[in-house]
């Protein structure tokens, strides 16, 4: 799912380039991940996070995420 699924996002998805790596016999280091995410725009990072949120909510609860609409009023006491 792409938030704000516009034609710009659709064309960006079609022209996206993929980076891959294979790690065998040792734990993977974080350098590849850091380099990849630093090269992404803020919108791309937000879309990736939102996609993970939707996936986790559907996996755990079998439904799309919902926003909490709780209203809270905070009243600060007077400082003397």
C-alpha atoms as a PDB file:
ATOM      1  CA  UNK A   1       0.000   0.000   0.000  1.00  0.00           C
ATOM      2  CA  UNK A   2       1.261   3.423  -0.883  1.00  0.00           C
ATOM      3  CA  UNK A   3      -0.159   6.315   1.115  1.00  0.00           C
ATOM      4  CA  UNK A   4      -1.721   8.874  -1.207  1.00  0.00           C
ATOM      5  CA  UNK A   5      -1.646   6.434  -4.117  1.00  0.00           C
ATOM      6  CA  UNK A   6      -1.203   9.048  -6.852  1.00  0.00           C
ATOM      7  CA  UNK A   7       0.064   8.705 -10.406  1.00  0.00           C
ATOM      8  CA  UNK A   8       3.434  10.102  -9.245  1.00  0.00           C
ATOM      9  CA  UNK A   9       3.762   7.331  -6.661  1.00  0.00           C
ATOM     10  CA  UNK A  10       2.693   4.705  -9.189  1.00  0.00           C
ATOM     11  CA  UNK A  11       5.253   5.846 -11.748  1.00  0.00           C
ATOM     12  CA  UNK A  12       7.953   5.980  -9.037  1.00  0.00           C
ATOM     13  CA  UNK A  13       7.108   2.406  -8.050  1.00  0.00           C
ATOM     14  CA  UNK A  14       7.467   1.237 -11.653  1.00  0.00           C
ATOM     15  CA  UNK A  15      10.881   2.877 -12.063  1.00  0.00           C
ATOM     16  CA  UNK A  16      12.216   1.865  -8.629  1.00  0.00           C
ATOM     17  CA  UNK A  17      15.606   0.231  -8.542  1.00  0.00           C
ATOM     18  CA  UNK A  18      16.308  -2.611  -6.156  1.00  0.00           C
ATOM     19  CA  UNK A  19      19.470  -3.257  -4.157  1.00  0.00           C
ATOM     20  CA  UNK A  20      20.137  -6.778  -2.966  1.00  0.00           C
ATOM     21  CA  UNK A  21      22.875  -8.652  -1.163  1.00  0.00           C
ATOM     22  CA  UNK A  22      23.549 -12.197  -0.043  1.00  0.00           C
ATOM     23  CA  UNK A  23      25.273 -12.889   3.278  1.00  0.00           C
ATOM     24  CA  UNK A  24      26.439 -16.402   4.031  1.00  0.00           C
ATOM     25  CA  UNK A  25      28.129 -17.853   7.070  1.00  0.00           C
ATOM     26  CA  UNK A  26      28.197 -14.680   9.185  1.00  0.00           C
ATOM     27  CA  UNK A  27      25.798 -12.142  10.661  1.00  0.00           C
ATOM     28  CA  UNK A  28      24.954  -9.285   8.324  1.00  0.00           C
ATOM     29  CA  UNK A  29      26.342  -5.867   9.176  1.00  0.00           C
ATOM     30  CA  UNK A  30      24.176  -2.728   9.180  1.00  0.00           C
ATOM     31  CA  UNK A  31      26.226  -0.745   6.622  1.00  0.00           C
ATOM     32  CA  UNK A  32      24.097  -1.903   3.677  1.00  0.00           C
ATOM     33  CA  UNK A  33      20.846  -0.954   5.435  1.00  0.00           C
ATOM     34  CA  UNK A  34      22.136   2.436   6.562  1.00  0.00           C
ATOM     35  CA  UNK A  35      23.385   3.301   3.071  1.00  0.00           C
ATOM     36  CA  UNK A  36      20.095   2.189   1.509  1.00  0.00           C
ATOM     37  CA  UNK A  37      17.820   4.184   3.834  1.00  0.00           C
ATOM     38  CA  UNK A  38      19.988   7.299   3.712  1.00  0.00           C
ATOM     39  CA  UNK A  39      19.485   7.280  -0.047  1.00  0.00           C
ATOM     40  CA  UNK A  40      15.682   7.267   0.281  1.00  0.00           C
ATOM     41  CA  UNK A  41      13.427  10.320   0.390  1.00  0.00           C
ATOM     42  CA  UNK A  42      11.348  11.150   3.451  1.00  0.00           C
ATOM     43  CA  UNK A  43       8.218  10.120   1.533  1.00  0.00           C
ATOM     44  CA  UNK A  44       9.731   6.732   0.655  1.00  0.00           C
ATOM     45  CA  UNK A  45      10.673   6.135   4.307  1.00  0.00           C
ATOM     46  CA  UNK A  46       7.183   7.106   5.477  1.00  0.00           C
ATOM     47  CA  UNK A  47       5.561   4.814   2.907  1.00  0.00           C
ATOM     48  CA  UNK A  48       7.784   1.909   3.993  1.00  0.00           C
ATOM     49  CA  UNK A  49       6.911   2.437   7.663  1.00  0.00           C
ATOM     50  CA  UNK A  50       3.197   2.733   6.898  1.00  0.00           C
ATOM     51  CA  UNK A  51       3.328  -0.482   4.845  1.00  0.00           C
ATOM     52  CA  UNK A  52       4.899  -2.285   7.831  1.00  0.00           C
ATOM     53  CA  UNK A  53       2.242  -0.870  10.182  1.00  0.00           C
ATOM     54  CA  UNK A  54      -0.576  -2.089   7.925  1.00  0.00           C
ATOM     55  CA  UNK A  55       1.045  -5.521   7.555  1.00  0.00           C
ATOM     56  CA  UNK A  56       1.589  -5.920  11.326  1.00  0.00           C
ATOM     57  CA  UNK A  57      -1.980  -4.851  12.159  1.00  0.00           C
ATOM     58  CA  UNK A  58      -3.457  -7.234   9.590  1.00  0.00           C
ATOM     59  CA  UNK A  59      -1.209 -10.054  10.801  1.00  0.00           C
ATOM     60  CA  UNK A  60      -1.982  -9.521  14.505  1.00  0.00           C
ATOM     61  CA  UNK A  61      -5.632  -8.503  14.372  1.00  0.00           C
ATOM     62  CA  UNK A  62      -6.885  -9.382  10.885  1.00  0.00           C
ATOM     63  CA  UNK A  63      -7.945  -5.821  10.117  1.00  0.00           C
ATOM     64  CA  UNK A  64      -6.619  -2.545   8.783  1.00  0.00           C
ATOM     65  CA  UNK A  65      -5.164  -0.130  11.350  1.00  0.00           C
ATOM     66  CA  UNK A  66      -7.506   2.403  12.916  1.00  0.00           C
ATOM     67  CA  UNK A  67      -6.653   5.701  14.513  1.00  0.00           C
ATOM     68  CA  UNK A  68      -7.360   6.151  18.206  1.00  0.00           C
ATOM     69  CA  UNK A  69      -9.916   8.922  18.524  1.00  0.00           C
ATOM     70  CA  UNK A  70      -9.607   9.347  22.280  1.00  0.00           C
ATOM     71  CA  UNK A  71      -9.902  12.933  23.427  1.00  0.00           C
ATOM     72  CA  UNK A  72      -8.016  13.987  26.502  1.00  0.00           C
ATOM     73  CA  UNK A  73      -8.032  17.357  28.181  1.00  0.00           C
ATOM     74  CA  UNK A  74      -4.961  18.311  30.185  1.00  0.00           C
ATOM     75  CA  UNK A  75      -5.237  21.195  32.623  1.00  0.00           C
ATOM     76  CA  UNK A  76      -2.024  22.471  34.154  1.00  0.00           C
ATOM     77  CA  UNK A  77      -2.126  23.777  37.695  1.00  0.00           C
ATOM     78  CA  UNK A  78      -1.019  27.288  38.472  1.00  0.00           C
ATOM     79  CA  UNK A  79       2.613  27.774  39.416  1.00  0.00           C
ATOM     80  CA  UNK A  80       3.268  30.193  42.240  1.00  0.00           C
END
